[in-house]
Amino acid sequence: MDIIGKKFGMLTVIEESRRDKNYNIYYKCRCDCGFLHEVRRDNLLSGKVTSCGCHRHRRGLQAARRGV
């Protein structure tokens, strides 16, 4: 299954970047915030990774502003 060009959460898959010694496939992805992020294929497909981390960071800032 080719996932290049597909979007997973805030990440758009640009290209396959490498394979590790365990044959895991990694993809270079562009986050909606503009940051490039390398993500393992199974983490994209399972929904475990959906951003470069900026989304989690923003949620933390919003909670801090509310005093949570």
PDB file of N, CA and C in Angstrom:
ATOM      1  N   MET A   1       0.843  -1.180   0.000  1.00  0.00           N
ATOM      2  CA  MET A   1       0.000   0.000   0.000  1.00  0.00           C
ATOM      3  C   MET A   1       0.887   1.241   0.000  1.00  0.00           C
ATOM      4  N   ASP A   2       0.725   2.088  -0.999  1.00  0.00           N
ATOM      5  CA  ASP A   2       1.499   3.311  -1.119  1.00  0.00           C
ATOM      6  C   ASP A   2       0.823   4.417  -0.315  1.00  0.00           C
ATOM      7  N   ILE A   3       1.551   5.024   0.616  1.00  0.00           N
ATOM      8  CA  ILE A   3       0.952   6.068   1.454  1.00  0.00           C
ATOM      9  C   ILE A   3       1.526   7.451   1.155  1.00  0.00           C
ATOM     10  N   ILE A   4       2.404   7.551   0.174  1.00  0.00           N
ATOM     11  CA  ILE A   4       2.979   8.849  -0.178  1.00  0.00           C
ATOM     12  C   ILE A   4       1.860   9.747  -0.708  1.00  0.00           C
ATOM     13  N   GLY A   5       1.789  10.958  -0.157  1.00  0.00           N
ATOM     14  CA  GLY A   5       0.756  11.913  -0.530  1.00  0.00           C
ATOM     15  C   GLY A   5      -0.467  11.852   0.367  1.00  0.00           C
ATOM     16  N   LYS A   6      -0.570  10.815   1.195  1.00  0.00           N
ATOM     17  CA  LYS A   6      -1.729  10.677   2.083  1.00  0.00           C
ATOM     18  C   LYS A   6      -1.499  11.479   3.366  1.00  0.00           C
ATOM     19  N   LYS A   7      -2.608  11.820   4.015  1.00  0.00           N
ATOM     20  CA  LYS A   7      -2.553  12.617   5.229  1.00  0.00           C
ATOM     21  C   LYS A   7      -2.996  11.774   6.424  1.00  0.00           C
ATOM     22  N   PHE A   8      -2.242  11.861   7.496  1.00  0.00           N
ATOM     23  CA  PHE A   8      -2.519  11.163   8.748  1.00  0.00           C
ATOM     24  C   PHE A   8      -2.511  12.203   9.848  1.00  0.00           C
ATOM     25  N   GLY A   9      -3.690  12.590  10.296  1.00  0.00           N
ATOM     26  CA  GLY A   9      -3.785  13.661  11.277  1.00  0.00           C
ATOM     27  C   GLY A   9      -3.277  14.946  10.666  1.00  0.00           C
ATOM     28  N   MET A  10      -2.242  15.506  11.265  1.00  0.00           N
ATOM     29  CA  MET A  10      -1.650  16.748  10.768  1.00  0.00           C
ATOM     30  C   MET A  10      -0.450  16.496   9.862  1.00  0.00           C
ATOM     31  N   LEU A  11      -0.115  15.222   9.616  1.00  0.00           N
ATOM     32  CA  LEU A  11       1.069  14.863   8.835  1.00  0.00           C
ATOM     33  C   LEU A  11       0.709  14.439   7.419  1.00  0.00           C
ATOM     34  N   THR A  12       1.425  14.979   6.445  1.00  0.00           N
ATOM     35  CA  THR A  12       1.297  14.569   5.048  1.00  0.00           C
ATOM     36  C   THR A  12       2.583  13.852   4.671  1.00  0.00           C
ATOM     37  N   VAL A  13       2.460  12.627   4.150  1.00  0.00           N
ATOM     38  CA  VAL A  13       3.618  11.815   3.795  1.00  0.00           C
ATOM     39  C   VAL A  13       4.229  12.349   2.498  1.00  0.00           C
ATOM     40  N   ILE A  14       5.538  12.638   2.538  1.00  0.00           N
ATOM     41  CA  ILE A  14       6.248  13.193   1.386  1.00  0.00           C
ATOM     42  C   ILE A  14       6.991  12.101   0.616  1.00  0.00           C
ATOM     43  N   GLU A  15       7.761  11.290   1.342  1.00  0.00           N
ATOM     44  CA  GLU A  15       8.557  10.255   0.681  1.00  0.00           C
ATOM     45  C   GLU A  15       9.049   9.238   1.703  1.00  0.00           C
ATOM     46  N   GLU A  16       9.408   8.073   1.198  1.00  0.00           N
ATOM     47  CA  GLU A  16      10.047   7.077   2.061  1.00  0.00           C
ATOM     48  C   GLU A  16      11.457   7.569   2.325  1.00  0.00           C
ATOM     49  N   SER A  17      11.883   7.543   3.585  1.00  0.00           N
ATOM     50  CA  SER A  17      13.205   8.068   3.903  1.00  0.00           C
ATOM     51  C   SER A  17      14.240   6.979   4.167  1.00  0.00           C
ATOM     52  N   ARG A  18      13.821   5.870   4.787  1.00  0.00           N
ATOM     53  CA  ARG A  18      14.799   4.806   5.058  1.00  0.00           C
ATOM     54  C   ARG A  18      14.099   3.556   5.577  1.00  0.00           C
ATOM     55  N   ARG A  19      14.894   2.497   5.672  1.00  0.00           N
ATOM     56  CA  ARG A  19      14.467   1.248   6.315  1.00  0.00           C
ATOM     57  C   ARG A  19      15.546   0.886   7.317  1.00  0.00           C
ATOM     58  N   ASP A  20      15.129   0.459   8.511  1.00  0.00           N
ATOM     59  CA  ASP A  20      16.123   0.111   9.523  1.00  0.00           C
ATOM     60  C   ASP A  20      16.489  -1.372   9.426  1.00  0.00           C
ATOM     61  N   LYS A  21      17.349  -1.823  10.323  1.00  0.00           N
ATOM     62  CA  LYS A  21      17.832  -3.202  10.273  1.00  0.00           C
ATOM     63  C   LYS A  21      16.730  -4.224  10.526  1.00  0.00           C
ATOM     64  N   ASN A  22      15.620  -3.786  11.123  1.00  0.00           N
ATOM     65  CA  ASN A  22      14.486  -4.677  11.369  1.00  0.00           C
ATOM     66  C   ASN A  22      13.425  -4.567  10.275  1.00  0.00           C
ATOM     67  N   TYR A  23      13.788  -3.897   9.169  1.00  0.00           N
ATOM     68  CA  TYR A  23      12.920  -3.731   7.995  1.00  0.00           C
ATOM     69  C   TYR A  23      11.728  -2.810   8.251  1.00  0.00           C
ATOM     70  N   ASN A  24      11.796  -1.994   9.303  1.00  0.00           N
ATOM     71  CA  ASN A  24      10.765  -0.978   9.514  1.00  0.00           C
ATOM     72  C   ASN A  24      10.967   0.123   8.484  1.00  0.00           C
ATOM     73  N   ILE A  25       9.879   0.619   7.924  1.00  0.00           N
ATOM     74  CA  ILE A  25       9.936   1.676   6.921  1.00  0.00           C
ATOM     75  C   ILE A  25       9.634   3.007   7.595  1.00  0.00           C
ATOM     76  N   TYR A  26      10.451   4.006   7.291  1.00  0.00           N
ATOM     77  CA  TYR A  26      10.265   5.359   7.817  1.00  0.00           C
ATOM     78  C   TYR A  26       9.942   6.303   6.669  1.00  0.00           C
ATOM     79  N   TYR A  27       9.051   7.254   6.944  1.00  0.00           N
ATOM     80  CA  TYR A  27       8.649   8.232   5.945  1.00  0.00           C
ATOM     81  C   TYR A  27       8.944   9.638   6.422  1.00  0.00           C
ATOM     82  N   LYS A  28       9.334  10.495   5.483  1.00  0.00           N
ATOM     83  CA  LYS A  28       9.478  11.911   5.760  1.00  0.00           C
ATOM     84  C   LYS A  28       8.093  12.519   5.578  1.00  0.00           C
ATOM     85  N   CYS A  29       7.632  13.230   6.606  1.00  0.00           N
ATOM     86  CA  CYS A  29       6.300  13.831   6.593  1.00  0.00           C
ATOM     87  C   CYS A  29       6.406  15.310   6.883  1.00  0.00           C
ATOM     88  N   ARG A  30       5.467  16.087   6.319  1.00  0.00           N
ATOM     89  CA  ARG A  30       5.379  17.504   6.631  1.00  0.00           C
ATOM     90  C   ARG A  30       4.155  17.715   7.511  1.00  0.00           C
ATOM     91  N   CYS A  31       4.383  18.327   8.652  1.00  0.00           N
ATOM     92  CA  CYS A  31       3.297  18.644   9.580  1.00  0.00           C
ATOM     93  C   CYS A  31       2.589  19.907   9.099  1.00  0.00           C
ATOM     94  N   ASP A  32       1.343  20.076   9.483  1.00  0.00           N
ATOM     95  CA  ASP A  32       0.596  21.285   9.130  1.00  0.00           C
ATOM     96  C   ASP A  32       1.282  22.551   9.630  1.00  0.00           C
ATOM     97  N   CYS A  33       2.099  22.434  10.682  1.00  0.00           N
ATOM     98  CA  CYS A  33       2.824  23.598  11.200  1.00  0.00           C
ATOM     99  C   CYS A  33       4.029  23.946  10.332  1.00  0.00           C
ATOM    100  N   GLY A  34       4.387  23.051   9.380  1.00  0.00           N
ATOM    101  CA  GLY A  34       5.498  23.297   8.470  1.00  0.00           C
ATOM    102  C   GLY A  34       6.758  22.503   8.780  1.00  0.00           C
ATOM    103  N   PHE A  35       6.820  21.876   9.935  1.00  0.00           N
ATOM    104  CA  PHE A  35       7.997  21.121  10.355  1.00  0.00           C
ATOM    105  C   PHE A  35       8.069  19.780   9.632  1.00  0.00           C
ATOM    106  N   LEU A  36       9.274  19.345   9.253  1.00  0.00           N
ATOM    107  CA  LEU A  36       9.475  18.011   8.681  1.00  0.00           C
ATOM    108  C   LEU A  36       9.753  17.035   9.811  1.00  0.00           C
ATOM    109  N   HIS A  37       9.162  15.854   9.712  1.00  0.00           N
ATOM    110  CA  HIS A  37       9.249  14.869  10.790  1.00  0.00           C
ATOM    111  C   HIS A  37       9.346  13.484  10.170  1.00  0.00           C
ATOM    112  N   GLU A  38      10.241  12.646  10.677  1.00  0.00           N
ATOM    113  CA  GLU A  38      10.374  11.278  10.194  1.00  0.00           C
ATOM    114  C   GLU A  38       9.565  10.355  11.103  1.00  0.00           C
ATOM    115  N   VAL A  39       8.714   9.530  10.496  1.00  0.00           N
ATOM    116  CA  VAL A  39       7.799   8.685  11.265  1.00  0.00           C
ATOM    117  C   VAL A  39       7.825   7.267  10.712  1.00  0.00           C
ATOM    118  N   ARG A  40       7.803   6.299  11.621  1.00  0.00           N
ATOM    119  CA  ARG A  40       7.747   4.897  11.216  1.00  0.00           C
ATOM    120  C   ARG A  40       6.357   4.569  10.665  1.00  0.00           C
ATOM    121  N   ARG A  41       6.314   3.779   9.610  1.00  0.00           N
ATOM    122  CA  ARG A  41       5.084   3.463   8.896  1.00  0.00           C
ATOM    123  C   ARG A  41       3.974   2.941   9.802  1.00  0.00           C
ATOM    124  N   ASP A  42       4.300   1.987  10.669  1.00  0.00           N
ATOM    125  CA  ASP A  42       3.254   1.393  11.513  1.00  0.00           C
ATOM    126  C   ASP A  42       2.664   2.417  12.481  1.00  0.00           C
ATOM    127  N   ASN A  43       3.454   3.404  12.903  1.00  0.00           N
ATOM    128  CA  ASN A  43       2.930   4.445  13.785  1.00  0.00           C
ATOM    129  C   ASN A  43       1.977   5.389  13.052  1.00  0.00           C
ATOM    130  N   LEU A  44       2.220   5.611  11.771  1.00  0.00           N
ATOM    131  CA  LEU A  44       1.284   6.408  10.971  1.00  0.00           C
ATOM    132  C   LEU A  44      -0.028   5.652  10.775  1.00  0.00           C
ATOM    133  N   LEU A  45       0.087   4.400  10.350  1.00  0.00           N
ATOM    134  CA  LEU A  45      -1.102   3.615  10.018  1.00  0.00           C
ATOM    135  C   LEU A  45      -1.981   3.330  11.232  1.00  0.00           C
ATOM    136  N   SER A  46      -1.373   3.194  12.401  1.00  0.00           N
ATOM    137  CA  SER A  46      -2.143   2.901  13.612  1.00  0.00           C
ATOM    138  C   SER A  46      -2.748   4.159  14.240  1.00  0.00           C
ATOM    139  N   GLY A  47      -2.265   5.329  13.812  1.00  0.00           N
ATOM    140  CA  GLY A  47      -2.745   6.583  14.397  1.00  0.00           C
ATOM    141  C   GLY A  47      -1.998   6.980  15.654  1.00  0.00           C
ATOM    142  N   LYS A  48      -0.925   6.249  15.975  1.00  0.00           N
ATOM    143  CA  LYS A  48      -0.147   6.555  17.171  1.00  0.00           C
ATOM    144  C   LYS A  48       0.543   7.914  17.057  1.00  0.00           C
ATOM    145  N   VAL A  49       0.991   8.267  15.847  1.00  0.00           N
ATOM    146  CA  VAL A  49       1.636   9.552  15.603  1.00  0.00           C
ATOM    147  C   VAL A  49       0.786  10.326  14.597  1.00  0.00           C
ATOM    148  N   THR A  50       0.360  11.529  14.984  1.00  0.00           N
ATOM    149  CA  THR A  50      -0.495  12.328  14.092  1.00  0.00           C
ATOM    150  C   THR A  50       0.023  13.745  13.887  1.00  0.00           C
ATOM    151  N   SER A  51       1.140  14.087  14.544  1.00  0.00           N
ATOM    152  CA  SER A  51       1.754  15.407  14.349  1.00  0.00           C
ATOM    153  C   SER A  51       3.237  15.295  14.705  1.00  0.00           C
ATOM    154  N   CYS A  52       3.946  16.406  14.522  1.00  0.00           N
ATOM    155  CA  CYS A  52       5.376  16.430  14.852  1.00  0.00           C
ATOM    156  C   CYS A  52       5.598  16.624  16.346  1.00  0.00           C
ATOM    157  N   GLY A  53       4.518  16.859  17.071  1.00  0.00           N
ATOM    158  CA  GLY A  53       4.611  17.152  18.498  1.00  0.00           C
ATOM    159  C   GLY A  53       4.092  18.542  18.801  1.00  0.00           C
ATOM    160  N   CYS A  54       3.904  19.337  17.754  1.00  0.00           N
ATOM    161  CA  CYS A  54       3.431  20.713  17.952  1.00  0.00           C
ATOM    162  C   CYS A  54       2.020  20.725  18.528  1.00  0.00           C
ATOM    163  N   HIS A  55       1.206  19.761  18.159  1.00  0.00           N
ATOM    164  CA  HIS A  55      -0.177  19.698  18.640  1.00  0.00           C
ATOM    165  C   HIS A  55      -0.191  19.480  20.153  1.00  0.00           C
ATOM    166  N   ARG A  56       0.631  18.570  20.618  1.00  0.00           N
ATOM    167  CA  ARG A  56       0.726  18.295  22.059  1.00  0.00           C
ATOM    168  C   ARG A  56       1.241  19.529  22.785  1.00  0.00           C
ATOM    169  N   HIS A  57       2.234  20.205  22.189  1.00  0.00           N
ATOM    170  CA  HIS A  57       2.809  21.416  22.782  1.00  0.00           C
ATOM    171  C   HIS A  57       1.749  22.507  22.886  1.00  0.00           C
ATOM    172  N   ARG A  58       0.966  22.703  21.816  1.00  0.00           N
ATOM    173  CA  ARG A  58      -0.083  23.728  21.830  1.00  0.00           C
ATOM    174  C   ARG A  58      -1.136  23.444  22.880  1.00  0.00           C
ATOM    175  N   ARG A  59      -1.522  22.171  23.023  1.00  0.00           N
ATOM    176  CA  ARG A  59      -2.524  21.815  24.036  1.00  0.00           C
ATOM    177  C   ARG A  59      -2.008  22.133  25.426  1.00  0.00           C
ATOM    178  N   GLY A  60      -0.722  21.886  25.674  1.00  0.00           N
ATOM    179  CA  GLY A  60      -0.111  22.188  26.969  1.00  0.00           C
ATOM    180  C   GLY A  60      -0.107  23.678  27.245  1.00  0.00           C
ATOM    181  N   LEU A  61       0.173  24.478  26.224  1.00  0.00           N
ATOM    182  CA  LEU A  61       0.160  25.942  26.389  1.00  0.00           C
ATOM    183  C   LEU A  61      -1.261  26.435  26.689  1.00  0.00           C
ATOM    184  N   GLN A  62      -2.238  25.873  25.995  1.00  0.00           N
ATOM    185  CA  GLN A  62      -3.618  26.285  26.224  1.00  0.00           C
ATOM    186  C   GLN A  62      -4.057  25.940  27.642  1.00  0.00           C
ATOM    187  N   ALA A  63      -3.674  24.765  28.121  1.00  0.00           N
ATOM    188  CA  ALA A  63      -4.021  24.365  29.487  1.00  0.00           C
ATOM    189  C   ALA A  63      -3.346  25.284  30.505  1.00  0.00           C
ATOM    190  N   ALA A  64      -2.115  25.663  30.246  1.00  0.00           N
ATOM    191  CA  ALA A  64      -1.377  26.545  31.156  1.00  0.00           C
ATOM    192  C   ALA A  64      -2.049  27.921  31.212  1.00  0.00           C
ATOM    193  N   ARG A  65      -2.525  28.399  30.083  1.00  0.00           N
ATOM    194  CA  ARG A  65      -3.197  29.705  30.056  1.00  0.00           C
ATOM    195  C   ARG A  65      -4.506  29.682  30.845  1.00  0.00           C
ATOM    196  N   ARG A  66      -5.177  28.526  30.840  1.00  0.00           N
ATOM    197  CA  ARG A  66      -6.437  28.401  31.572  1.00  0.00           C
ATOM    198  C   ARG A  66      -6.203  28.135  33.050  1.00  0.00           C
ATOM    199  N   GLY A  67      -4.960  27.818  33.418  1.00  0.00           N
ATOM    200  CA  GLY A  67      -4.645  27.522  34.804  1.00  0.00           C
ATOM    201  C   GLY A  67      -4.976  26.106  35.201  1.00  0.00           C
ATOM    202  N   VAL A  68      -4.998  25.193  34.219  1.00  0.00           N
ATOM    203  CA  VAL A  68      -5.308  23.787  34.491  1.00  0.00           C
ATOM    204  C   VAL A  68      -4.065  23.071  34.910  1.00  0.00           C
TER     205      VAL A  68
END
